[in-house]
Amino acid sequence: MNEEVNQPVMSPEEFEKECKEKGWTQAQLAKRWGFSDARRIRQIKANPSKNPHFIDAIKGLPYLLKK
């Protein structure tokens, strides 16, 4: 079973929108994904050919509750 899988695409604007809708800051996302600071998140967001696992991960983030 070797089926071709379409690679998802997500623009920087879509990435940012998804984060904001779910209540995540770039700093929180960096910590969640094990990066030392938000710089790596900005790099991932800006990359037009970002790895599909980041797209899957951002879409699968839980919504944060406001305190």
PDB file of N, CA and C in Angstrom:
ATOM      1  N   MET A   1       0.851  -1.180   0.000  1.00  0.00           N
ATOM      2  CA  MET A   1       0.000   0.000   0.000  1.00  0.00           C
ATOM      3  C   MET A   1       0.892   1.236   0.000  1.00  0.00           C
ATOM      4  N   ASN A   2       1.021   1.860  -1.147  1.00  0.00           N
ATOM      5  CA  ASN A   2       1.870   3.029  -1.287  1.00  0.00           C
ATOM      6  C   ASN A   2       1.091   4.116  -2.017  1.00  0.00           C
ATOM      7  N   GLU A   3       0.223   4.789  -1.288  1.00  0.00           N
ATOM      8  CA  GLU A   3      -0.618   5.822  -1.885  1.00  0.00           C
ATOM      9  C   GLU A   3       0.046   7.181  -1.776  1.00  0.00           C
ATOM     10  N   GLU A   4      -0.154   7.994  -2.802  1.00  0.00           N
ATOM     11  CA  GLU A   4       0.347   9.370  -2.807  1.00  0.00           C
ATOM     12  C   GLU A   4      -0.504  10.199  -1.850  1.00  0.00           C
ATOM     13  N   VAL A   5       0.146  10.986  -0.995  1.00  0.00           N
ATOM     14  CA  VAL A   5      -0.552  11.841  -0.039  1.00  0.00           C
ATOM     15  C   VAL A   5      -0.310  13.290  -0.436  1.00  0.00           C
ATOM     16  N   ASN A   6      -1.386  14.056  -0.526  1.00  0.00           N
ATOM     17  CA  ASN A   6      -1.245  15.481  -0.820  1.00  0.00           C
ATOM     18  C   ASN A   6      -0.582  16.194   0.344  1.00  0.00           C
ATOM     19  N   GLN A   7       0.387  17.036   0.047  1.00  0.00           N
ATOM     20  CA  GLN A   7       1.069  17.800   1.079  1.00  0.00           C
ATOM     21  C   GLN A   7       0.258  19.050   1.395  1.00  0.00           C
ATOM     22  N   PRO A   8      -0.105  19.231   2.657  1.00  0.00           N
ATOM     23  CA  PRO A   8      -0.866  20.430   3.023  1.00  0.00           C
ATOM     24  C   PRO A   8      -0.006  21.689   2.906  1.00  0.00           C
ATOM     25  N   VAL A   9      -0.663  22.799   2.676  1.00  0.00           N
ATOM     26  CA  VAL A   9       0.011  24.094   2.577  1.00  0.00           C
ATOM     27  C   VAL A   9      -0.683  25.049   3.542  1.00  0.00           C
ATOM     28  N   MET A  10       0.116  25.882   4.220  1.00  0.00           N
ATOM     29  CA  MET A  10      -0.452  26.868   5.131  1.00  0.00           C
ATOM     30  C   MET A  10       0.383  28.142   5.047  1.00  0.00           C
ATOM     31  N   SER A  11      -0.274  29.233   4.706  1.00  0.00           N
ATOM     32  CA  SER A  11       0.423  30.520   4.610  1.00  0.00           C
ATOM     33  C   SER A  11       0.761  31.029   6.016  1.00  0.00           C
ATOM     34  N   PRO A  12       1.690  31.977   6.102  1.00  0.00           N
ATOM     35  CA  PRO A  12       1.990  32.576   7.408  1.00  0.00           C
ATOM     36  C   PRO A  12       0.743  33.192   8.056  1.00  0.00           C
ATOM     37  N   GLU A  13      -0.113  33.788   7.237  1.00  0.00           N
ATOM     38  CA  GLU A  13      -1.342  34.405   7.762  1.00  0.00           C
ATOM     39  C   GLU A  13      -2.296  33.353   8.324  1.00  0.00           C
ATOM     40  N   GLU A  14      -2.408  32.221   7.638  1.00  0.00           N
ATOM     41  CA  GLU A  14      -3.269  31.133   8.130  1.00  0.00           C
ATOM     42  C   GLU A  14      -2.713  30.544   9.423  1.00  0.00           C
ATOM     43  N   PHE A  15      -1.394  30.401   9.492  1.00  0.00           N
ATOM     44  CA  PHE A  15      -0.733  29.888  10.695  1.00  0.00           C
ATOM     45  C   PHE A  15      -1.033  30.794  11.882  1.00  0.00           C
ATOM     46  N   GLU A  16      -0.842  32.099  11.674  1.00  0.00           N
ATOM     47  CA  GLU A  16      -1.085  33.092  12.725  1.00  0.00           C
ATOM     48  C   GLU A  16      -2.555  33.081  13.157  1.00  0.00           C
ATOM     49  N   LYS A  17      -3.453  33.026  12.195  1.00  0.00           N
ATOM     50  CA  LYS A  17      -4.891  33.017  12.488  1.00  0.00           C
ATOM     51  C   LYS A  17      -5.271  31.800  13.328  1.00  0.00           C
ATOM     52  N   GLU A  18      -4.748  30.641  12.953  1.00  0.00           N
ATOM     53  CA  GLU A  18      -5.044  29.404  13.688  1.00  0.00           C
ATOM     54  C   GLU A  18      -4.578  29.524  15.138  1.00  0.00           C
ATOM     55  N   CYS A  19      -3.379  30.068  15.346  1.00  0.00           N
ATOM     56  CA  CYS A  19      -2.857  30.253  16.708  1.00  0.00           C
ATOM     57  C   CYS A  19      -3.751  31.187  17.507  1.00  0.00           C
ATOM     58  N   LYS A  20      -4.059  32.335  16.923  1.00  0.00           N
ATOM     59  CA  LYS A  20      -4.851  33.340  17.635  1.00  0.00           C
ATOM     60  C   LYS A  20      -6.255  32.843  17.954  1.00  0.00           C
ATOM     61  N   GLU A  21      -6.874  32.143  17.005  1.00  0.00           N
ATOM     62  CA  GLU A  21      -8.233  31.623  17.242  1.00  0.00           C
ATOM     63  C   GLU A  21      -8.261  30.647  18.409  1.00  0.00           C
ATOM     64  N   LYS A  22      -7.159  29.938  18.606  1.00  0.00           N
ATOM     65  CA  LYS A  22      -7.096  28.952  19.684  1.00  0.00           C
ATOM     66  C   LYS A  22      -6.506  29.525  20.965  1.00  0.00           C
ATOM     67  N   GLY A  23      -6.095  30.807  20.915  1.00  0.00           N
ATOM     68  CA  GLY A  23      -5.620  31.476  22.122  1.00  0.00           C
ATOM     69  C   GLY A  23      -4.148  31.291  22.438  1.00  0.00           C
ATOM     70  N   TRP A  24      -3.347  30.860  21.471  1.00  0.00           N
ATOM     71  CA  TRP A  24      -1.931  30.595  21.701  1.00  0.00           C
ATOM     72  C   TRP A  24      -1.064  31.769  21.267  1.00  0.00           C
ATOM     73  N   THR A  25      -0.073  32.121  22.085  1.00  0.00           N
ATOM     74  CA  THR A  25       0.950  33.065  21.675  1.00  0.00           C
ATOM     75  C   THR A  25       2.105  32.256  21.089  1.00  0.00           C
ATOM     76  N   GLN A  26       3.000  32.941  20.385  1.00  0.00           N
ATOM     77  CA  GLN A  26       4.158  32.242  19.828  1.00  0.00           C
ATOM     78  C   GLN A  26       5.061  31.718  20.940  1.00  0.00           C
ATOM     79  N   ALA A  27       5.164  32.454  22.032  1.00  0.00           N
ATOM     80  CA  ALA A  27       5.982  32.003  23.169  1.00  0.00           C
ATOM     81  C   ALA A  27       5.394  30.732  23.790  1.00  0.00           C
ATOM     82  N   GLN A  28       4.081  30.693  23.944  1.00  0.00           N
ATOM     83  CA  GLN A  28       3.434  29.498  24.501  1.00  0.00           C
ATOM     84  C   GLN A  28       3.607  28.302  23.573  1.00  0.00           C
ATOM     85  N   LEU A  29       3.472  28.552  22.286  1.00  0.00           N
ATOM     86  CA  LEU A  29       3.618  27.482  21.303  1.00  0.00           C
ATOM     87  C   LEU A  29       5.050  26.951  21.291  1.00  0.00           C
ATOM     88  N   ALA A  30       6.017  27.847  21.380  1.00  0.00           N
ATOM     89  CA  ALA A  30       7.423  27.421  21.433  1.00  0.00           C
ATOM     90  C   ALA A  30       7.660  26.507  22.631  1.00  0.00           C
ATOM     91  N   LYS A  31       7.139  26.887  23.778  1.00  0.00           N
ATOM     92  CA  LYS A  31       7.303  26.062  24.979  1.00  0.00           C
ATOM     93  C   LYS A  31       6.611  24.710  24.798  1.00  0.00           C
ATOM     94  N   ARG A  32       5.411  24.725  24.257  1.00  0.00           N
ATOM     95  CA  ARG A  32       4.639  23.497  24.036  1.00  0.00           C
ATOM     96  C   ARG A  32       5.381  22.537  23.117  1.00  0.00           C
ATOM     97  N   TRP A  33       6.016  23.084  22.072  1.00  0.00           N
ATOM     98  CA  TRP A  33       6.709  22.258  21.083  1.00  0.00           C
ATOM     99  C   TRP A  33       8.170  21.993  21.436  1.00  0.00           C
ATOM    100  N   GLY A  34       8.619  22.472  22.590  1.00  0.00           N
ATOM    101  CA  GLY A  34       9.963  22.165  23.065  1.00  0.00           C
ATOM    102  C   GLY A  34      11.072  23.037  22.511  1.00  0.00           C
ATOM    103  N   PHE A  35      10.737  24.233  22.013  1.00  0.00           N
ATOM    104  CA  PHE A  35      11.752  25.162  21.532  1.00  0.00           C
ATOM    105  C   PHE A  35      12.102  26.144  22.649  1.00  0.00           C
ATOM    106  N   SER A  36      13.328  26.658  22.617  1.00  0.00           N
ATOM    107  CA  SER A  36      13.780  27.535  23.695  1.00  0.00           C
ATOM    108  C   SER A  36      13.156  28.930  23.650  1.00  0.00           C
ATOM    109  N   ASP A  37      12.764  29.380  22.452  1.00  0.00           N
ATOM    110  CA  ASP A  37      12.109  30.684  22.363  1.00  0.00           C
ATOM    111  C   ASP A  37      11.220  30.751  21.127  1.00  0.00           C
ATOM    112  N   ALA A  38      10.505  31.858  20.994  1.00  0.00           N
ATOM    113  CA  ALA A  38       9.520  32.008  19.924  1.00  0.00           C
ATOM    114  C   ALA A  38      10.157  32.247  18.556  1.00  0.00           C
ATOM    115  N   ARG A  39      11.448  32.477  18.510  1.00  0.00           N
ATOM    116  CA  ARG A  39      12.122  32.709  17.231  1.00  0.00           C
ATOM    117  C   ARG A  39      11.888  31.542  16.266  1.00  0.00           C
ATOM    118  N   ARG A  40      11.958  30.329  16.773  1.00  0.00           N
ATOM    119  CA  ARG A  40      11.763  29.137  15.914  1.00  0.00           C
ATOM    120  C   ARG A  40      10.330  29.089  15.384  1.00  0.00           C
ATOM    121  N   ILE A  41       9.371  29.497  16.184  1.00  0.00           N
ATOM    122  CA  ILE A  41       7.972  29.519  15.727  1.00  0.00           C
ATOM    123  C   ILE A  41       7.825  30.532  14.598  1.00  0.00           C
ATOM    124  N   ARG A  42       8.448  31.686  14.720  1.00  0.00           N
ATOM    125  CA  ARG A  42       8.392  32.693  13.643  1.00  0.00           C
ATOM    126  C   ARG A  42       9.005  32.152  12.363  1.00  0.00           C
ATOM    127  N   GLN A  43      10.093  31.383  12.476  1.00  0.00           N
ATOM    128  CA  GLN A  43      10.725  30.777  11.298  1.00  0.00           C
ATOM    129  C   GLN A  43       9.798  29.758  10.642  1.00  0.00           C
ATOM    130  N   ILE A  44       9.179  28.926  11.459  1.00  0.00           N
ATOM    131  CA  ILE A  44       8.249  27.919  10.937  1.00  0.00           C
ATOM    132  C   ILE A  44       7.074  28.605  10.255  1.00  0.00           C
ATOM    133  N   LYS A  45       6.514  29.604  10.912  1.00  0.00           N
ATOM    134  CA  LYS A  45       5.362  30.331  10.368  1.00  0.00           C
ATOM    135  C   LYS A  45       5.696  30.942   9.013  1.00  0.00           C
ATOM    136  N   ALA A  46       6.880  31.535   8.882  1.00  0.00           N
ATOM    137  CA  ALA A  46       7.266  32.243   7.661  1.00  0.00           C
ATOM    138  C   ALA A  46       7.656  31.319   6.506  1.00  0.00           C
ATOM    139  N   ASN A  47       7.981  30.080   6.795  1.00  0.00           N
ATOM    140  CA  ASN A  47       8.449  29.150   5.770  1.00  0.00           C
ATOM    141  C   ASN A  47       7.286  28.699   4.878  1.00  0.00           C
ATOM    142  N   PRO A  48       7.317  29.065   3.577  1.00  0.00           N
ATOM    143  CA  PRO A  48       6.209  28.689   2.698  1.00  0.00           C
ATOM    144  C   PRO A  48       6.125  27.181   2.445  1.00  0.00           C
ATOM    145  N   SER A  49       7.224  26.464   2.649  1.00  0.00           N
ATOM    146  CA  SER A  49       7.201  25.007   2.459  1.00  0.00           C
ATOM    147  C   SER A  49       7.466  24.299   3.779  1.00  0.00           C
ATOM    148  N   LYS A  50       6.763  24.777   4.830  1.00  0.00           N
ATOM    149  CA  LYS A  50       6.961  24.206   6.168  1.00  0.00           C
ATOM    150  C   LYS A  50       6.614  22.723   6.182  1.00  0.00           C
ATOM    151  N   ASN A  51       7.265  21.999   7.046  1.00  0.00           N
ATOM    152  CA  ASN A  51       7.032  20.565   7.180  1.00  0.00           C
ATOM    153  C   ASN A  51       5.561  20.315   7.518  1.00  0.00           C
ATOM    154  N   PRO A  52       4.924  19.376   6.827  1.00  0.00           N
ATOM    155  CA  PRO A  52       3.504  19.113   7.081  1.00  0.00           C
ATOM    156  C   PRO A  52       3.177  18.756   8.525  1.00  0.00           C
ATOM    157  N   HIS A  53       4.131  18.193   9.271  1.00  0.00           N
ATOM    158  CA  HIS A  53       3.792  17.846  10.656  1.00  0.00           C
ATOM    159  C   HIS A  53       3.534  19.092  11.494  1.00  0.00           C
ATOM    160  N   PHE A  54       4.135  20.245  11.126  1.00  0.00           N
ATOM    161  CA  PHE A  54       3.828  21.480  11.845  1.00  0.00           C
ATOM    162  C   PHE A  54       2.408  21.954  11.526  1.00  0.00           C
ATOM    163  N   ILE A  55       1.985  21.769  10.295  1.00  0.00           N
ATOM    164  CA  ILE A  55       0.622  22.140   9.915  1.00  0.00           C
ATOM    165  C   ILE A  55      -0.373  21.260  10.667  1.00  0.00           C
ATOM    166  N   ASP A  56      -0.105  19.965  10.709  1.00  0.00           N
ATOM    167  CA  ASP A  56      -0.979  19.056  11.454  1.00  0.00           C
ATOM    168  C   ASP A  56      -1.010  19.421  12.933  1.00  0.00           C
ATOM    169  N   ALA A  57       0.171  19.766  13.472  1.00  0.00           N
ATOM    170  CA  ALA A  57       0.257  20.108  14.892  1.00  0.00           C
ATOM    171  C   ALA A  57      -0.513  21.378  15.214  1.00  0.00           C
ATOM    172  N   ILE A  58      -0.404  22.397  14.374  1.00  0.00           N
ATOM    173  CA  ILE A  58      -1.101  23.657  14.650  1.00  0.00           C
ATOM    174  C   ILE A  58      -2.608  23.462  14.553  1.00  0.00           C
ATOM    175  N   LYS A  59      -3.054  22.655  13.597  1.00  0.00           N
ATOM    176  CA  LYS A  59      -4.487  22.407  13.455  1.00  0.00           C
ATOM    177  C   LYS A  59      -5.035  21.573  14.606  1.00  0.00           C
ATOM    178  N   GLY A  60      -4.167  20.773  15.223  1.00  0.00           N
ATOM    179  CA  GLY A  60      -4.597  19.913  16.320  1.00  0.00           C
ATOM    180  C   GLY A  60      -4.425  20.508  17.711  1.00  0.00           C
ATOM    181  N   LEU A  61      -3.957  21.760  17.778  1.00  0.00           N
ATOM    182  CA  LEU A  61      -3.788  22.385  19.101  1.00  0.00           C
ATOM    183  C   LEU A  61      -5.125  22.534  19.816  1.00  0.00           C
ATOM    184  N   PRO A  62      -5.126  22.326  21.112  1.00  0.00           N
ATOM    185  CA  PRO A  62      -6.356  22.564  21.862  1.00  0.00           C
ATOM    186  C   PRO A  62      -6.601  24.069  22.024  1.00  0.00           C
ATOM    187  N   TYR A  63      -7.829  24.421  22.268  1.00  0.00           N
ATOM    188  CA  TYR A  63      -8.183  25.819  22.573  1.00  0.00           C
ATOM    189  C   TYR A  63      -7.796  26.100  24.010  1.00  0.00           C
ATOM    190  N   LEU A  64      -7.149  27.241  24.235  1.00  0.00           N
ATOM    191  CA  LEU A  64      -6.808  27.629  25.596  1.00  0.00           C
ATOM    192  C   LEU A  64      -7.963  28.404  26.197  1.00  0.00           C
ATOM    193  N   LEU A  65      -8.223  28.146  27.459  1.00  0.00           N
ATOM    194  CA  LEU A  65      -9.272  28.873  28.154  1.00  0.00           C
ATOM    195  C   LEU A  65      -8.709  30.165  28.720  1.00  0.00           C
ATOM    196  N   LYS A  66      -9.461  31.219  28.607  1.00  0.00           N
ATOM    197  CA  LYS A  66      -9.055  32.503  29.187  1.00  0.00           C
ATOM    198  C   LYS A  66      -9.267  32.447  30.680  1.00  0.00           C
ATOM    199  N   LYS A  67      -8.296  32.949  31.447  1.00  0.00           N
ATOM    200  CA  LYS A  67      -8.416  32.969  32.907  1.00  0.00           C
ATOM    201  C   LYS A  67      -8.896  34.305  33.370  1.00  0.00           C
TER     202      LYS A  67
END
